[in-house]
mmCIF file of all heavy atoms, coordinates in Angstrom:
data_MODEL
# 
_entry.id   MODEL 
# 
loop_
_atom_site.group_PDB 
_atom_site.id 
_atom_site.type_symbol 
_atom_site.label_atom_id 
_atom_site.label_alt_id 
_atom_site.label_comp_id 
_atom_site.label_asym_id 
_atom_site.label_entity_id 
_atom_site.label_seq_id 
_atom_site.pdbx_PDB_ins_code 
_atom_site.Cartn_x 
_atom_site.Cartn_y 
_atom_site.Cartn_z 
_atom_site.occupancy 
_atom_site.B_iso_or_equiv 
_atom_site.pdbx_formal_charge 
_atom_site.auth_seq_id 
_atom_site.auth_comp_id 
_atom_site.auth_asym_id 
_atom_site.auth_atom_id 
_atom_site.pdbx_PDB_model_num 
ATOM 1   N N   . GLU A 1 1  ? 27.623 31.499 4.452  1.00 0.00 ? 1  GLU A N   1 
ATOM 2   C CA  . GLU A 1 1  ? 26.596 32.004 5.366  1.00 0.00 ? 1  GLU A CA  1 
ATOM 3   C C   . GLU A 1 1  ? 27.211 32.465 6.686  1.00 0.00 ? 1  GLU A C   1 
ATOM 4   O O   . GLU A 1 1  ? 26.956 33.565 7.160  1.00 0.00 ? 1  GLU A O   1 
ATOM 5   C CB  . GLU A 1 1  ? 25.552 30.913 5.635  1.00 0.00 ? 1  GLU A CB  1 
ATOM 6   C CG  . GLU A 1 1  ? 24.673 30.585 4.456  1.00 0.00 ? 1  GLU A CG  1 
ATOM 7   C CD  . GLU A 1 1  ? 23.748 31.737 4.079  1.00 0.00 ? 1  GLU A CD  1 
ATOM 8   O OE1 . GLU A 1 1  ? 23.203 32.389 4.990  1.00 0.00 ? 1  GLU A OE1 1 
ATOM 9   O OE2 . GLU A 1 1  ? 23.573 31.980 2.881  1.00 0.00 ? 1  GLU A OE2 1 
ATOM 10  N N   . MET A 1 2  ? 28.018 31.593 7.308  1.00 0.00 ? 2  MET A N   1 
ATOM 11  C CA  . MET A 1 2  ? 28.522 31.917 8.635  1.00 0.00 ? 2  MET A CA  1 
ATOM 12  C C   . MET A 1 2  ? 29.615 32.986 8.619  1.00 0.00 ? 2  MET A C   1 
ATOM 13  O O   . MET A 1 2  ? 29.628 33.904 9.440  1.00 0.00 ? 2  MET A O   1 
ATOM 14  C CB  . MET A 1 2  ? 29.072 30.666 9.322  1.00 0.00 ? 2  MET A CB  1 
ATOM 15  C CG  . MET A 1 2  ? 29.340 30.917 10.816 1.00 0.00 ? 2  MET A CG  1 
ATOM 16  S SD  . MET A 1 2  ? 30.459 29.746 11.616 1.00 0.00 ? 2  MET A SD  1 
ATOM 17  C CE  . MET A 1 2  ? 32.064 30.387 11.116 1.00 0.00 ? 2  MET A CE  1 
ATOM 18  N N   . VAL A 1 3  ? 30.534 32.865 7.669  1.00 0.00 ? 3  VAL A N   1 
ATOM 19  C CA  . VAL A 1 3  ? 31.662 33.797 7.663  1.00 0.00 ? 3  VAL A CA  1 
ATOM 20  C C   . VAL A 1 3  ? 31.285 35.097 6.962  1.00 0.00 ? 3  VAL A C   1 
ATOM 21  O O   . VAL A 1 3  ? 31.368 36.177 7.556  1.00 0.00 ? 3  VAL A O   1 
ATOM 22  C CB  . VAL A 1 3  ? 32.900 33.158 7.004  1.00 0.00 ? 3  VAL A CB  1 
ATOM 23  C CG1 . VAL A 1 3  ? 34.049 34.160 6.957  1.00 0.00 ? 3  VAL A CG1 1 
ATOM 24  C CG2 . VAL A 1 3  ? 33.326 31.904 7.777  1.00 0.00 ? 3  VAL A CG2 1 
ATOM 25  N N   . THR A 1 4  ? 30.845 35.018 5.703  1.00 0.00 ? 4  THR A N   1 
ATOM 26  C CA  . THR A 1 4  ? 30.589 36.257 4.956  1.00 0.00 ? 4  THR A CA  1 
ATOM 27  C C   . THR A 1 4  ? 29.538 37.114 5.654  1.00 0.00 ? 4  THR A C   1 
ATOM 28  O O   . THR A 1 4  ? 29.765 38.299 5.923  1.00 0.00 ? 4  THR A O   1 
ATOM 29  C CB  . THR A 1 4  ? 30.132 35.937 3.527  1.00 0.00 ? 4  THR A CB  1 
ATOM 30  O OG1 . THR A 1 4  ? 31.132 35.146 2.882  1.00 0.00 ? 4  THR A OG1 1 
ATOM 31  C CG2 . THR A 1 4  ? 29.902 37.227 2.740  1.00 0.00 ? 4  THR A CG2 1 
ATOM 32  N N   . TRP A 1 5  ? 28.386 36.530 5.960  1.00 0.00 ? 5  TRP A N   1 
ATOM 33  C CA  . TRP A 1 5  ? 27.313 37.335 6.518  1.00 0.00 ? 5  TRP A CA  1 
ATOM 34  C C   . TRP A 1 5  ? 27.564 37.725 7.982  1.00 0.00 ? 5  TRP A C   1 
ATOM 35  O O   . TRP A 1 5  ? 27.187 38.817 8.417  1.00 0.00 ? 5  TRP A O   1 
ATOM 36  C CB  . TRP A 1 5  ? 25.980 36.612 6.354  1.00 0.00 ? 5  TRP A CB  1 
ATOM 37  C CG  . TRP A 1 5  ? 25.528 36.655 4.927  1.00 0.00 ? 5  TRP A CG  1 
ATOM 38  C CD1 . TRP A 1 5  ? 25.720 35.712 3.969  1.00 0.00 ? 5  TRP A CD1 1 
ATOM 39  C CD2 . TRP A 1 5  ? 24.870 37.753 4.277  1.00 0.00 ? 5  TRP A CD2 1 
ATOM 40  N NE1 . TRP A 1 5  ? 25.205 36.136 2.767  1.00 0.00 ? 5  TRP A NE1 1 
ATOM 41  C CE2 . TRP A 1 5  ? 24.662 37.383 2.928  1.00 0.00 ? 5  TRP A CE2 1 
ATOM 42  C CE3 . TRP A 1 5  ? 24.411 39.000 4.717  1.00 0.00 ? 5  TRP A CE3 1 
ATOM 43  C CZ2 . TRP A 1 5  ? 24.033 38.220 2.006  1.00 0.00 ? 5  TRP A CZ2 1 
ATOM 44  C CZ3 . TRP A 1 5  ? 23.779 39.837 3.800  1.00 0.00 ? 5  TRP A CZ3 1 
ATOM 45  C CH2 . TRP A 1 5  ? 23.596 39.443 2.462  1.00 0.00 ? 5  TRP A CH2 1 
ATOM 46  N N   . ARG A 1 6  ? 28.218 36.857 8.730  1.00 0.00 ? 6  ARG A N   1 
ATOM 47  C CA  . ARG A 1 6  ? 28.525 37.208 10.126 1.00 0.00 ? 6  ARG A CA  1 
ATOM 48  C C   . ARG A 1 6  ? 29.571 38.314 10.189 1.00 0.00 ? 6  ARG A C   1 
ATOM 49  O O   . ARG A 1 6  ? 29.462 39.253 10.975 1.00 0.00 ? 6  ARG A O   1 
ATOM 50  C CB  . ARG A 1 6  ? 29.004 35.957 10.875 1.00 0.00 ? 6  ARG A CB  1 
ATOM 51  C CG  . ARG A 1 6  ? 29.135 36.181 12.377 1.00 0.00 ? 6  ARG A CG  1 
ATOM 52  C CD  . ARG A 1 6  ? 29.403 34.873 13.109 1.00 0.00 ? 6  ARG A CD  1 
ATOM 53  N NE  . ARG A 1 6  ? 29.455 35.109 14.546 1.00 0.00 ? 6  ARG A NE  1 
ATOM 54  C CZ  . ARG A 1 6  ? 30.534 35.505 15.199 1.00 0.00 ? 6  ARG A CZ  1 
ATOM 55  N NH1 . ARG A 1 6  ? 31.667 35.700 14.533 1.00 0.00 ? 6  ARG A NH1 1 
ATOM 56  N NH2 . ARG A 1 6  ? 30.503 35.722 16.502 1.00 0.00 ? 6  ARG A NH2 1 
ATOM 57  N N   . GLU A 1 7  ? 30.604 38.211 9.360  1.00 0.00 ? 7  GLU A N   1 
ATOM 58  C CA  . GLU A 1 7  ? 31.641 39.253 9.362  1.00 0.00 ? 7  GLU A CA  1 
ATOM 59  C C   . GLU A 1 7  ? 31.083 40.566 8.805  1.00 0.00 ? 7  GLU A C   1 
ATOM 60  O O   . GLU A 1 7  ? 31.454 41.649 9.258  1.00 0.00 ? 7  GLU A O   1 
ATOM 61  C CB  . GLU A 1 7  ? 32.850 38.794 8.543  1.00 0.00 ? 7  GLU A CB  1 
ATOM 62  C CG  . GLU A 1 7  ? 33.515 37.529 9.046  1.00 0.00 ? 7  GLU A CG  1 
ATOM 63  C CD  . GLU A 1 7  ? 34.434 37.729 10.240 1.00 0.00 ? 7  GLU A CD  1 
ATOM 64  O OE1 . GLU A 1 7  ? 34.975 38.831 10.391 1.00 0.00 ? 7  GLU A OE1 1 
ATOM 65  O OE2 . GLU A 1 7  ? 34.618 36.774 11.018 1.00 0.00 ? 7  GLU A OE2 1 
ATOM 66  N N   . LEU A 1 8  ? 30.165 40.485 7.851  1.00 0.00 ? 8  LEU A N   1 
ATOM 67  C CA  . LEU A 1 8  ? 29.513 41.691 7.346  1.00 0.00 ? 8  LEU A CA  1 
ATOM 68  C C   . LEU A 1 8  ? 28.700 42.359 8.448  1.00 0.00 ? 8  LEU A C   1 
ATOM 69  O O   . LEU A 1 8  ? 28.711 43.593 8.586  1.00 0.00 ? 8  LEU A O   1 
ATOM 70  C CB  . LEU A 1 8  ? 28.617 41.342 6.163  1.00 0.00 ? 8  LEU A CB  1 
ATOM 71  C CG  . LEU A 1 8  ? 27.854 42.498 5.509  1.00 0.00 ? 8  LEU A CG  1 
ATOM 72  C CD1 . LEU A 1 8  ? 28.815 43.505 4.886  1.00 0.00 ? 8  LEU A CD1 1 
ATOM 73  C CD2 . LEU A 1 8  ? 26.876 41.975 4.461  1.00 0.00 ? 8  LEU A CD2 1 
ATOM 74  N N   . ALA A 1 9  ? 28.006 41.562 9.257  1.00 0.00 ? 9  ALA A N   1 
ATOM 75  C CA  . ALA A 1 9  ? 27.222 42.108 10.362 1.00 0.00 ? 9  ALA A CA  1 
ATOM 76  C C   . ALA A 1 9  ? 28.121 42.763 11.405 1.00 0.00 ? 9  ALA A C   1 
ATOM 77  O O   . ALA A 1 9  ? 27.812 43.852 11.917 1.00 0.00 ? 9  ALA A O   1 
ATOM 78  C CB  . ALA A 1 9  ? 26.393 40.996 10.998 1.00 0.00 ? 9  ALA A CB  1 
ATOM 79  N N   . LEU A 1 10 ? 29.233 42.121 11.737 1.00 0.00 ? 10 LEU A N   1 
ATOM 80  C CA  . LEU A 1 10 ? 30.185 42.707 12.683 1.00 0.00 ? 10 LEU A CA  1 
ATOM 81  C C   . LEU A 1 10 ? 30.728 44.027 12.144 1.00 0.00 ? 10 LEU A C   1 
ATOM 82  O O   . LEU A 1 10 ? 30.857 45.012 12.881 1.00 0.00 ? 10 LEU A O   1 
ATOM 83  C CB  . LEU A 1 10 ? 31.324 41.732 12.948 1.00 0.00 ? 10 LEU A CB  1 
ATOM 84  C CG  . LEU A 1 10 ? 31.005 40.551 13.869 1.00 0.00 ? 10 LEU A CG  1 
ATOM 85  C CD1 . LEU A 1 10 ? 32.063 39.466 13.728 1.00 0.00 ? 10 LEU A CD1 1 
ATOM 86  C CD2 . LEU A 1 10 ? 30.911 41.024 15.310 1.00 0.00 ? 10 LEU A CD2 1 
ATOM 87  N N   . ASN A 1 11 ? 31.043 44.052 10.854 1.00 0.00 ? 11 ASN A N   1 
ATOM 88  C CA  . ASN A 1 11 ? 31.537 45.275 10.232 1.00 0.00 ? 11 ASN A CA  1 
ATOM 89  C C   . ASN A 1 11 ? 30.498 46.384 10.308 1.00 0.00 ? 11 ASN A C   1 
ATOM 90  O O   . ASN A 1 11 ? 30.807 47.535 10.652 1.00 0.00 ? 11 ASN A O   1 
ATOM 91  C CB  . ASN A 1 11 ? 31.924 44.990 8.782  1.00 0.00 ? 11 ASN A CB  1 
ATOM 92  C CG  . ASN A 1 11 ? 32.154 46.250 7.973  1.00 0.00 ? 11 ASN A CG  1 
ATOM 93  O OD1 . ASN A 1 11 ? 31.274 46.685 7.216  1.00 0.00 ? 11 ASN A OD1 1 
ATOM 94  N ND2 . ASN A 1 11 ? 33.311 46.860 8.133  1.00 0.00 ? 11 ASN A ND2 1 
ATOM 95  N N   . CYS A 1 12 ? 29.238 46.042 10.012 1.00 0.00 ? 12 CYS A N   1 
ATOM 96  C CA  . CYS A 1 12 ? 28.162 47.033 10.048 1.00 0.00 ? 12 CYS A CA  1 
ATOM 97  C C   . CYS A 1 12 ? 28.031 47.655 11.434 1.00 0.00 ? 12 CYS A C   1 
ATOM 98  O O   . CYS A 1 12 ? 27.995 48.877 11.583 1.00 0.00 ? 12 CYS A O   1 
ATOM 99  C CB  . CYS A 1 12 ? 26.851 46.380 9.626  1.00 0.00 ? 12 CYS A CB  1 
ATOM 100 S SG  . CYS A 1 12 ? 25.383 47.401 9.888  1.00 0.00 ? 12 CYS A SG  1 
ATOM 101 N N   . CYS A 1 13 ? 27.967 46.820 12.466 1.00 0.00 ? 13 CYS A N   1 
ATOM 102 C CA  . CYS A 1 13 ? 27.735 47.338 13.813 1.00 0.00 ? 13 CYS A CA  1 
ATOM 103 C C   . CYS A 1 13 ? 28.974 47.999 14.407 1.00 0.00 ? 13 CYS A C   1 
ATOM 104 O O   . CYS A 1 13 ? 28.858 48.856 15.280 1.00 0.00 ? 13 CYS A O   1 
ATOM 105 C CB  . CYS A 1 13 ? 27.244 46.210 14.723 1.00 0.00 ? 13 CYS A CB  1 
ATOM 106 S SG  . CYS A 1 13 ? 25.620 45.585 14.268 1.00 0.00 ? 13 CYS A SG  1 
ATOM 107 N N   . THR A 1 14 ? 30.161 47.602 13.923 1.00 0.00 ? 14 THR A N   1 
ATOM 108 C CA  . THR A 1 14 ? 31.393 48.238 14.387 1.00 0.00 ? 14 THR A CA  1 
ATOM 109 C C   . THR A 1 14 ? 31.577 49.608 13.757 1.00 0.00 ? 14 THR A C   1 
ATOM 110 O O   . THR A 1 14 ? 31.979 50.570 14.425 1.00 0.00 ? 14 THR A O   1 
ATOM 111 C CB  . THR A 1 14 ? 32.609 47.349 14.058 1.00 0.00 ? 14 THR A CB  1 
ATOM 112 O OG1 . THR A 1 14 ? 32.472 46.099 14.736 1.00 0.00 ? 14 THR A OG1 1 
ATOM 113 C CG2 . THR A 1 14 ? 33.907 48.010 14.486 1.00 0.00 ? 14 THR A CG2 1 
ATOM 114 N N   . ARG A 1 15 ? 31.264 49.723 12.471 1.00 0.00 ? 15 ARG A N   1 
ATOM 115 C CA  . ARG A 1 15 ? 31.546 50.965 11.739 1.00 0.00 ? 15 ARG A CA  1 
ATOM 116 C C   . ARG A 1 15 ? 30.355 51.917 11.666 1.00 0.00 ? 15 ARG A C   1 
ATOM 117 O O   . ARG A 1 15 ? 30.532 53.079 11.290 1.00 0.00 ? 15 ARG A O   1 
ATOM 118 C CB  . ARG A 1 15 ? 31.996 50.622 10.313 1.00 0.00 ? 15 ARG A CB  1 
ATOM 119 C CG  . ARG A 1 15 ? 33.265 49.788 10.239 1.00 0.00 ? 15 ARG A CG  1 
ATOM 120 C CD  . ARG A 1 15 ? 34.432 50.478 10.896 1.00 0.00 ? 15 ARG A CD  1 
ATOM 121 N NE  . ARG A 1 15 ? 35.627 49.632 10.927 1.00 0.00 ? 15 ARG A NE  1 
ATOM 122 C CZ  . ARG A 1 15 ? 36.663 49.877 11.685 1.00 0.00 ? 15 ARG A CZ  1 
ATOM 123 N NH1 . ARG A 1 15 ? 36.678 50.932 12.495 1.00 0.00 ? 15 ARG A NH1 1 
ATOM 124 N NH2 . ARG A 1 15 ? 37.715 49.063 11.671 1.00 0.00 ? 15 ARG A NH2 1 
ATOM 125 N N   . ASN A 1 16 ? 29.163 51.438 12.016 1.00 0.00 ? 16 ASN A N   1 
ATOM 126 C CA  . ASN A 1 16 ? 27.977 52.284 11.943 1.00 0.00 ? 16 ASN A CA  1 
ATOM 127 C C   . ASN A 1 16 ? 27.293 52.309 13.304 1.00 0.00 ? 16 ASN A C   1 
ATOM 128 O O   . ASN A 1 16 ? 26.558 51.384 13.652 1.00 0.00 ? 16 ASN A O   1 
ATOM 129 C CB  . ASN A 1 16 ? 27.005 51.759 10.875 1.00 0.00 ? 16 ASN A CB  1 
ATOM 130 C CG  . ASN A 1 16 ? 25.917 52.762 10.547 1.00 0.00 ? 16 ASN A CG  1 
ATOM 131 O OD1 . ASN A 1 16 ? 25.543 53.582 11.380 1.00 0.00 ? 16 ASN A OD1 1 
ATOM 132 N ND2 . ASN A 1 16 ? 25.406 52.704 9.329  1.00 0.00 ? 16 ASN A ND2 1 
ATOM 133 N N   . PRO A 1 17 ? 27.532 53.347 14.120 1.00 0.00 ? 17 PRO A N   1 
ATOM 134 C CA  . PRO A 1 17 ? 26.956 53.377 15.472 1.00 0.00 ? 17 PRO A CA  1 
ATOM 135 C C   . PRO A 1 17 ? 25.434 53.454 15.490 1.00 0.00 ? 17 PRO A C   1 
ATOM 136 O O   . PRO A 1 17 ? 24.816 53.259 16.529 1.00 0.00 ? 17 PRO A O   1 
ATOM 137 C CB  . PRO A 1 17 ? 27.582 54.630 16.087 1.00 0.00 ? 17 PRO A CB  1 
ATOM 138 C CG  . PRO A 1 17 ? 27.958 55.492 14.925 1.00 0.00 ? 17 PRO A CG  1 
ATOM 139 C CD  . PRO A 1 17 ? 28.336 54.541 13.829 1.00 0.00 ? 17 PRO A CD  1 
ATOM 140 N N   . ARG A 1 18 ? 24.804 53.691 14.329 1.00 0.00 ? 18 ARG A N   1 
ATOM 141 C CA  . ARG A 1 18 ? 23.335 53.790 14.260 1.00 0.00 ? 18 ARG A CA  1 
ATOM 142 C C   . ARG A 1 18 ? 22.711 52.470 13.783 1.00 0.00 ? 18 ARG A C   1 
ATOM 143 O O   . ARG A 1 18 ? 21.637 52.456 13.190 1.00 0.00 ? 18 ARG A O   1 
ATOM 144 C CB  . ARG A 1 18 ? 22.957 54.934 13.325 1.00 0.00 ? 18 ARG A CB  1 
ATOM 145 C CG  . ARG A 1 18 ? 23.523 56.289 13.788 1.00 0.00 ? 18 ARG A CG  1 
ATOM 146 C CD  . ARG A 1 18 ? 23.259 57.393 12.789 1.00 0.00 ? 18 ARG A CD  1 
ATOM 147 N NE  . ARG A 1 18 ? 23.969 57.191 11.530 1.00 0.00 ? 18 ARG A NE  1 
ATOM 148 C CZ  . ARG A 1 18 ? 23.895 58.003 10.487 1.00 0.00 ? 18 ARG A CZ  1 
ATOM 149 N NH1 . ARG A 1 18 ? 23.142 59.083 10.544 1.00 0.00 ? 18 ARG A NH1 1 
ATOM 150 N NH2 . ARG A 1 18 ? 24.572 57.731 9.374  1.00 0.00 ? 18 ARG A NH2 1 
ATOM 151 N N   . PHE A 1 19 ? 23.387 51.353 14.097 1.00 0.00 ? 19 PHE A N   1 
ATOM 152 C CA  . PHE A 1 19 ? 22.983 50.049 13.561 1.00 0.00 ? 19 PHE A CA  1 
ATOM 153 C C   . PHE A 1 19 ? 21.597 49.601 13.996 1.00 0.00 ? 19 PHE A C   1 
ATOM 154 O O   . PHE A 1 19 ? 21.020 48.722 13.372 1.00 0.00 ? 19 PHE A O   1 
ATOM 155 C CB  . PHE A 1 19 ? 24.012 48.975 13.955 1.00 0.00 ? 19 PHE A CB  1 
ATOM 156 C CG  . PHE A 1 19 ? 24.188 48.804 15.441 1.00 0.00 ? 19 PHE A CG  1 
ATOM 157 C CD1 . PHE A 1 19 ? 23.304 48.047 16.181 1.00 0.00 ? 19 PHE A CD1 1 
ATOM 158 C CD2 . PHE A 1 19 ? 25.259 49.399 16.094 1.00 0.00 ? 19 PHE A CD2 1 
ATOM 159 C CE1 . PHE A 1 19 ? 23.461 47.892 17.551 1.00 0.00 ? 19 PHE A CE1 1 
ATOM 160 C CE2 . PHE A 1 19 ? 25.430 49.243 17.466 1.00 0.00 ? 19 PHE A CE2 1 
ATOM 161 C CZ  . PHE A 1 19 ? 24.529 48.486 18.198 1.00 0.00 ? 19 PHE A CZ  1 
ATOM 162 N N   . ALA A 1 20 ? 21.056 50.167 15.063 1.00 0.00 ? 20 ALA A N   1 
ATOM 163 C CA  . ALA A 1 20 ? 19.732 49.732 15.533 1.00 0.00 ? 20 ALA A CA  1 
ATOM 164 C C   . ALA A 1 20 ? 18.634 50.707 15.136 1.00 0.00 ? 20 ALA A C   1 
ATOM 165 O O   . ALA A 1 20 ? 17.558 50.711 15.727 1.00 0.00 ? 20 ALA A O   1 
ATOM 166 C CB  . ALA A 1 20 ? 19.742 49.558 17.047 1.00 0.00 ? 20 ALA A CB  1 
ATOM 167 N N   . SER A 1 21 ? 18.863 51.521 14.113 1.00 0.00 ? 21 SER A N   1 
ATOM 168 C CA  . SER A 1 21 ? 17.875 52.522 13.710 1.00 0.00 ? 21 SER A CA  1 
ATOM 169 C C   . SER A 1 21 ? 17.771 52.587 12.194 1.00 0.00 ? 21 SER A C   1 
ATOM 170 O O   . SER A 1 21 ? 18.625 52.073 11.463 1.00 0.00 ? 21 SER A O   1 
ATOM 171 C CB  . SER A 1 21 ? 18.263 53.900 14.258 1.00 0.00 ? 21 SER A CB  1 
ATOM 172 O OG  . SER A 1 21 ? 19.386 54.418 13.558 1.00 0.00 ? 21 SER A OG  1 
ATOM 173 N N   . LEU A 1 22 ? 16.720 53.259 11.728 1.00 0.00 ? 22 LEU A N   1 
ATOM 174 C CA  . LEU A 1 22 ? 16.549 53.454 10.281 1.00 0.00 ? 22 LEU A CA  1 
ATOM 175 C C   . LEU A 1 22 ? 17.701 54.250 9.690  1.00 0.00 ? 22 LEU A C   1 
ATOM 176 O O   . LEU A 1 22 ? 17.957 54.168 8.481  1.00 0.00 ? 22 LEU A O   1 
ATOM 177 C CB  . LEU A 1 22 ? 15.225 54.174 10.011 1.00 0.00 ? 22 LEU A CB  1 
ATOM 178 C CG  . LEU A 1 22 ? 13.932 53.415 10.343 1.00 0.00 ? 22 LEU A CG  1 
ATOM 179 C CD1 . LEU A 1 22 ? 12.725 54.302 10.060 1.00 0.00 ? 22 LEU A CD1 1 
ATOM 180 C CD2 . LEU A 1 22 ? 13.827 52.111 9.550  1.00 0.00 ? 22 LEU A CD2 1 
ATOM 181 N N   . ALA A 1 23 ? 18.401 55.010 10.512 1.00 0.00 ? 23 ALA A N   1 
ATOM 182 C CA  . ALA A 1 23 ? 19.507 55.828 10.011 1.00 0.00 ? 23 ALA A CA  1 
ATOM 183 C C   . ALA A 1 23 ? 20.617 54.972 9.408  1.00 0.00 ? 23 ALA A C   1 
ATOM 184 O O   . ALA A 1 23 ? 21.447 55.479 8.642  1.00 0.00 ? 23 ALA A O   1 
ATOM 185 C CB  . ALA A 1 23 ? 20.066 56.701 11.129 1.00 0.00 ? 23 ALA A CB  1 
ATOM 186 N N   . ALA A 1 24 ? 20.657 53.685 9.739  1.00 0.00 ? 24 ALA A N   1 
ATOM 187 C CA  . ALA A 1 24 ? 21.697 52.807 9.195  1.00 0.00 ? 24 ALA A CA  1 
ATOM 188 C C   . ALA A 1 24 ? 21.424 52.379 7.767  1.00 0.00 ? 24 ALA A C   1 
ATOM 189 O O   . ALA A 1 24 ? 22.280 51.757 7.131  1.00 0.00 ? 24 ALA A O   1 
ATOM 190 C CB  . ALA A 1 24 ? 21.833 51.569 10.086 1.00 0.00 ? 24 ALA A CB  1 
# 
C-alpha cells in the first residue's frame, strides 16, 4: 500500500503534468 501505490502516485504526477484534470 505505502510503497507501490505511493511511488505510482509520484510517478503519475511527475510524468503527467495534467495530473489534476480529466486529461490524465
